[in-house]
Structure formats: structure tokens, C-alpha cells
Amino acid sequence: MSSRQGAQLGFQFGGVESLAQALSRLATIYVLSDDPKQVRSLSPGDLEGGKFRDGGREVVFSDGRTKISRLAVRLKELHPAIEALKRGSSPSREQVIRN
């Protein structure tokens, strides 16, 4: 989704990126590759110090690390994490994954 498309749908990309940051604390973030069988999960340490950009599609680092692109989240983790954020609660990543 481009910035223009996001604006037409009522999204502010700064808000989407903040939401991506919050969701990354509750759900496992994955990196997709050209081979659909090669999906890698990122640890919280992989994302530490990073800032989500491009509507949450990539993470950039100010310390010189290479940006991480092609990010994804499993739907079965996404929905419980969003519900937890709506309630204002902060379950652990393990609790969200388990549910």
C-alpha cells in the first residue's frame, strides 16, 4: 500500500508504523524470501533498536545494520495481538501465540 492509498483509506503511516512496533512486541515477525518454504522468524533481539517504516513493511536501524524488508505476521497471532492492544492489556508474546 502506498502512502496515497493509505491516506485514501484513512490510515496515517506514522500510526501504522507505531502499530507495527506495538504488534512486534506481541506477535512473531517473519521475513519472507522468494522461496515460500524459506520463512525466517525474527527474535526481539533482531528488531531491537529498529524503527518500522513503509507502513510496517520494513525495519531500519540507525546503527548501520542492514534494513530488514518483506516482513510478515501470521494471522492467527495478529488478531489476538490486536485485541490485546484494543483492551489496553499487554500479554506476553508467548500468551498471544498460545491463544
N, C-alpha and C. Protein backbone atom coordinates (compact mmCIF):
# COMPACT_ATOMS: atom_id res chain seq x y z
N MET A 1 0.85 -1.17 0.00
CA MET A 1 0.00 0.00 0.00
C MET A 1 0.89 1.23 0.00
N SER A 2 0.62 2.13 -0.91
CA SER A 2 1.39 3.37 -0.97
C SER A 2 0.86 4.35 0.07
N SER A 3 1.62 5.41 0.31
CA SER A 3 1.18 6.44 1.25
C SER A 3 -0.15 7.04 0.79
N ARG A 4 -0.27 7.24 -0.51
CA ARG A 4 -1.50 7.82 -1.05
C ARG A 4 -2.69 6.87 -0.82
N GLN A 5 -2.50 5.58 -1.10
CA GLN A 5 -3.58 4.62 -0.87
C GLN A 5 -3.95 4.58 0.61
N GLY A 6 -2.95 4.60 1.46
CA GLY A 6 -3.20 4.58 2.89
C GLY A 6 -3.99 5.79 3.34
N ALA A 7 -3.64 6.96 2.82
CA ALA A 7 -4.35 8.18 3.17
C ALA A 7 -5.80 8.11 2.70
N GLN A 8 -6.03 7.54 1.51
CA GLN A 8 -7.39 7.42 1.00
C GLN A 8 -8.24 6.50 1.88
N LEU A 9 -7.60 5.53 2.51
CA LEU A 9 -8.32 4.61 3.38
C LEU A 9 -8.41 5.12 4.82
N GLY A 10 -7.81 6.27 5.09
CA GLY A 10 -7.89 6.86 6.42
C GLY A 10 -6.74 6.46 7.33
N PHE A 11 -5.69 5.85 6.78
CA PHE A 11 -4.54 5.47 7.60
C PHE A 11 -3.51 6.58 7.58
N GLN A 12 -2.87 6.80 8.69
CA GLN A 12 -1.69 7.64 8.75
C GLN A 12 -0.53 6.69 8.89
N PHE A 13 0.47 6.81 8.03
CA PHE A 13 1.55 5.83 8.07
C PHE A 13 2.35 5.90 9.35
N GLY A 14 2.46 7.06 9.97
CA GLY A 14 3.13 7.11 11.26
C GLY A 14 2.38 6.27 12.28
N GLY A 15 1.05 6.29 12.19
CA GLY A 15 0.22 5.48 13.08
C GLY A 15 0.35 4.01 12.78
N VAL A 16 0.39 3.66 11.50
CA VAL A 16 0.55 2.25 11.12
C VAL A 16 1.89 1.73 11.59
N GLU A 17 2.92 2.54 11.46
CA GLU A 17 4.25 2.12 11.90
C GLU A 17 4.32 1.98 13.41
N SER A 18 3.64 2.85 14.13
CA SER A 18 3.57 2.71 15.59
C SER A 18 2.83 1.44 15.98
N LEU A 19 1.78 1.14 15.25
CA LEU A 19 1.03 -0.09 15.49
C LEU A 19 1.91 -1.30 15.20
N ALA A 20 2.68 -1.25 14.13
CA ALA A 20 3.61 -2.36 13.81
C ALA A 20 4.60 -2.56 14.94
N GLN A 21 5.10 -1.46 15.50
CA GLN A 21 6.05 -1.54 16.62
C GLN A 21 5.40 -2.23 17.81
N ALA A 22 4.18 -1.84 18.13
CA ALA A 22 3.47 -2.45 19.26
C ALA A 22 3.17 -3.92 19.00
N LEU A 23 2.73 -4.24 17.80
CA LEU A 23 2.43 -5.63 17.46
C LEU A 23 3.67 -6.50 17.49
N SER A 24 4.82 -5.92 17.17
CA SER A 24 6.06 -6.71 17.17
C SER A 24 6.43 -7.19 18.57
N ARG A 25 5.86 -6.56 19.58
CA ARG A 25 6.11 -7.00 20.96
C ARG A 25 5.19 -8.14 21.36
N LEU A 26 4.12 -8.35 20.56
CA LEU A 26 3.11 -9.35 20.90
C LEU A 26 3.06 -10.54 19.95
N ALA A 27 3.50 -10.36 18.74
CA ALA A 27 3.42 -11.42 17.74
C ALA A 27 4.79 -11.62 17.09
N THR A 28 5.04 -12.81 16.64
CA THR A 28 6.29 -13.11 15.95
C THR A 28 6.28 -12.44 14.58
N ILE A 29 7.38 -11.77 14.25
CA ILE A 29 7.54 -11.14 12.95
C ILE A 29 8.41 -12.07 12.11
N TYR A 30 8.03 -12.25 10.86
CA TYR A 30 8.74 -13.13 9.94
C TYR A 30 9.30 -12.33 8.77
N VAL A 31 10.37 -12.87 8.17
CA VAL A 31 10.95 -12.31 6.95
C VAL A 31 10.65 -13.31 5.84
N LEU A 32 10.03 -12.82 4.78
CA LEU A 32 9.71 -13.66 3.63
C LEU A 32 10.86 -13.65 2.64
N SER A 33 11.02 -14.74 1.93
CA SER A 33 12.02 -14.81 0.86
C SER A 33 11.32 -15.14 -0.44
N ASP A 34 12.07 -15.20 -1.52
CA ASP A 34 11.49 -15.56 -2.81
C ASP A 34 10.96 -16.99 -2.80
N ASP A 35 11.57 -17.84 -2.00
CA ASP A 35 11.13 -19.23 -1.86
C ASP A 35 10.14 -19.29 -0.70
N PRO A 36 8.86 -19.60 -0.97
CA PRO A 36 7.86 -19.60 0.10
C PRO A 36 8.15 -20.59 1.22
N LYS A 37 9.03 -21.55 0.97
CA LYS A 37 9.38 -22.51 2.01
C LYS A 37 10.46 -21.95 2.95
N GLN A 38 11.05 -20.83 2.58
CA GLN A 38 12.11 -20.22 3.37
C GLN A 38 11.58 -18.97 4.08
N VAL A 39 10.94 -19.18 5.21
CA VAL A 39 10.43 -18.08 6.03
C VAL A 39 11.20 -18.12 7.34
N ARG A 40 11.72 -16.98 7.74
CA ARG A 40 12.54 -16.92 8.95
C ARG A 40 11.85 -16.04 9.98
N SER A 41 11.77 -16.54 11.22
CA SER A 41 11.21 -15.73 12.30
C SER A 41 12.30 -14.84 12.88
N LEU A 42 11.90 -13.66 13.29
CA LEU A 42 12.83 -12.71 13.91
C LEU A 42 12.64 -12.75 15.41
N SER A 43 13.73 -12.68 16.12
CA SER A 43 13.67 -12.61 17.58
C SER A 43 13.51 -11.15 17.98
N PRO A 44 13.09 -10.89 19.21
CA PRO A 44 13.04 -9.50 19.67
C PRO A 44 14.40 -8.82 19.53
N GLY A 45 15.48 -9.57 19.72
CA GLY A 45 16.83 -9.00 19.56
C GLY A 45 17.12 -8.57 18.13
N ASP A 46 16.57 -9.30 17.16
CA ASP A 46 16.76 -8.93 15.75
C ASP A 46 16.15 -7.57 15.46
N LEU A 47 15.07 -7.24 16.16
CA LEU A 47 14.35 -5.99 15.93
C LEU A 47 14.78 -4.86 16.85
N GLU A 48 15.54 -5.20 17.89
CA GLU A 48 15.93 -4.21 18.89
C GLU A 48 16.65 -3.02 18.25
N GLY A 49 16.20 -1.84 18.60
CA GLY A 49 16.81 -0.62 18.09
C GLY A 49 16.33 -0.24 16.71
N GLY A 50 15.42 -1.04 16.15
CA GLY A 50 14.92 -0.75 14.81
C GLY A 50 13.68 0.12 14.84
N LYS A 51 13.39 0.70 13.69
CA LYS A 51 12.21 1.55 13.54
C LYS A 51 11.46 1.06 12.31
N PHE A 52 10.17 0.77 12.48
CA PHE A 52 9.37 0.32 11.36
C PHE A 52 9.14 1.48 10.40
N ARG A 53 9.17 1.15 9.12
CA ARG A 53 8.95 2.13 8.05
C ARG A 53 8.08 1.51 6.98
N ASP A 54 7.67 2.33 6.04
CA ASP A 54 6.89 1.88 4.88
C ASP A 54 5.65 1.10 5.33
N GLY A 55 4.92 1.67 6.27
CA GLY A 55 3.70 1.04 6.73
C GLY A 55 3.92 -0.28 7.45
N GLY A 56 5.09 -0.44 8.06
CA GLY A 56 5.40 -1.67 8.80
C GLY A 56 5.99 -2.77 7.95
N ARG A 57 6.33 -2.47 6.70
CA ARG A 57 6.87 -3.49 5.81
C ARG A 57 8.36 -3.73 5.98
N GLU A 58 9.04 -2.78 6.63
CA GLU A 58 10.48 -2.94 6.83
C GLU A 58 10.91 -2.29 8.14
N VAL A 59 12.07 -2.72 8.62
CA VAL A 59 12.66 -2.15 9.82
C VAL A 59 14.03 -1.60 9.43
N VAL A 60 14.30 -0.38 9.85
CA VAL A 60 15.60 0.25 9.58
C VAL A 60 16.29 0.50 10.91
N PHE A 61 17.59 0.57 10.85
CA PHE A 61 18.41 0.73 12.05
C PHE A 61 19.34 1.92 11.89
N SER A 62 19.50 2.69 12.95
CA SER A 62 20.40 3.85 12.91
C SER A 62 21.84 3.46 13.22
N ASP A 63 22.06 2.21 13.64
CA ASP A 63 23.41 1.77 14.00
C ASP A 63 24.19 1.15 12.84
N GLY A 64 23.63 1.24 11.63
CA GLY A 64 24.35 0.73 10.47
C GLY A 64 23.96 -0.67 10.03
N ARG A 65 23.14 -1.36 10.83
CA ARG A 65 22.70 -2.69 10.40
C ARG A 65 21.85 -2.56 9.14
N THR A 66 21.87 -3.59 8.34
CA THR A 66 21.08 -3.62 7.12
C THR A 66 19.60 -3.66 7.46
N LYS A 67 18.82 -2.90 6.70
CA LYS A 67 17.37 -2.92 6.94
C LYS A 67 16.84 -4.32 6.67
N ILE A 68 15.73 -4.62 7.32
CA ILE A 68 15.05 -5.90 7.14
C ILE A 68 13.74 -5.61 6.44
N SER A 69 13.55 -6.22 5.27
CA SER A 69 12.36 -5.99 4.46
C SER A 69 11.54 -7.26 4.32
N ARG A 70 10.38 -7.10 3.70
CA ARG A 70 9.47 -8.22 3.42
C ARG A 70 9.00 -8.89 4.71
N LEU A 71 8.52 -8.06 5.62
CA LEU A 71 8.06 -8.55 6.92
C LEU A 71 6.63 -9.07 6.83
N ALA A 72 6.34 -10.04 7.68
CA ALA A 72 5.00 -10.63 7.72
C ALA A 72 4.68 -11.08 9.13
N VAL A 73 3.39 -11.27 9.39
CA VAL A 73 2.88 -11.77 10.66
C VAL A 73 1.84 -12.83 10.33
N ARG A 74 1.78 -13.88 11.14
CA ARG A 74 0.75 -14.91 10.94
C ARG A 74 -0.58 -14.38 11.45
N LEU A 75 -1.63 -14.59 10.67
CA LEU A 75 -2.96 -14.09 11.05
C LEU A 75 -3.40 -14.65 12.39
N LYS A 76 -3.06 -15.90 12.68
CA LYS A 76 -3.52 -16.48 13.95
C LYS A 76 -2.87 -15.78 15.15
N GLU A 77 -1.76 -15.09 14.95
CA GLU A 77 -1.15 -14.29 16.02
C GLU A 77 -1.59 -12.83 15.95
N LEU A 78 -1.88 -12.37 14.76
CA LEU A 78 -2.22 -10.96 14.57
C LEU A 78 -3.52 -10.58 15.27
N HIS A 79 -4.56 -11.35 15.06
CA HIS A 79 -5.86 -11.00 15.63
C HIS A 79 -5.85 -10.94 17.16
N PRO A 80 -5.29 -11.94 17.87
CA PRO A 80 -5.24 -11.82 19.34
C PRO A 80 -4.38 -10.63 19.80
N ALA A 81 -3.33 -10.34 19.06
CA ALA A 81 -2.48 -9.21 19.45
C ALA A 81 -3.23 -7.89 19.29
N ILE A 82 -3.97 -7.75 18.21
CA ILE A 82 -4.77 -6.54 18.01
C ILE A 82 -5.82 -6.41 19.11
N GLU A 83 -6.47 -7.51 19.44
CA GLU A 83 -7.48 -7.47 20.51
C GLU A 83 -6.85 -7.07 21.84
N ALA A 84 -5.65 -7.57 22.11
CA ALA A 84 -4.96 -7.20 23.35
C ALA A 84 -4.65 -5.71 23.36
N LEU A 85 -4.23 -5.17 22.22
CA LEU A 85 -3.95 -3.74 22.15
C LEU A 85 -5.23 -2.92 22.33
N LYS A 86 -6.33 -3.38 21.77
CA LYS A 86 -7.61 -2.69 21.94
C LYS A 86 -8.02 -2.63 23.41
N ARG A 87 -7.78 -3.74 24.12
CA ARG A 87 -8.14 -3.80 25.55
C ARG A 87 -7.15 -3.01 26.40
N GLY A 88 -6.03 -2.65 25.81
CA GLY A 88 -5.02 -1.94 26.58
C GLY A 88 -4.18 -2.84 27.45
N SER A 89 -4.29 -4.14 27.21
CA SER A 89 -3.50 -5.08 28.00
C SER A 89 -2.23 -5.42 27.25
N SER A 90 -1.28 -5.92 27.96
CA SER A 90 0.00 -6.27 27.37
C SER A 90 0.37 -7.71 27.70
N PRO A 91 -0.28 -8.68 27.05
CA PRO A 91 0.13 -10.06 27.29
C PRO A 91 1.51 -10.29 26.70
N SER A 92 2.13 -11.33 27.14
CA SER A 92 3.43 -11.67 26.57
C SER A 92 3.25 -12.23 25.17
N ARG A 93 4.32 -12.25 24.42
CA ARG A 93 4.29 -12.84 23.09
C ARG A 93 3.87 -14.30 23.17
N GLU A 94 4.34 -15.00 24.18
CA GLU A 94 4.01 -16.41 24.34
C GLU A 94 2.50 -16.60 24.58
N GLN A 95 1.88 -15.70 25.35
CA GLN A 95 0.44 -15.80 25.59
C GLN A 95 -0.36 -15.59 24.31
N VAL A 96 0.06 -14.64 23.48
CA VAL A 96 -0.64 -14.38 22.23
C VAL A 96 -0.48 -15.57 21.29
N ILE A 97 0.71 -16.11 21.20
CA ILE A 97 0.97 -17.25 20.31
C ILE A 97 0.17 -18.47 20.75
N ARG A 98 0.10 -18.69 22.07
CA ARG A 98 -0.61 -19.85 22.62
C ARG A 98 -2.10 -19.79 22.31
N ASN A 99 -2.68 -18.60 22.35
CA ASN A 99 -4.12 -18.45 22.12
C ASN A 99 -4.35 -18.50 20.67
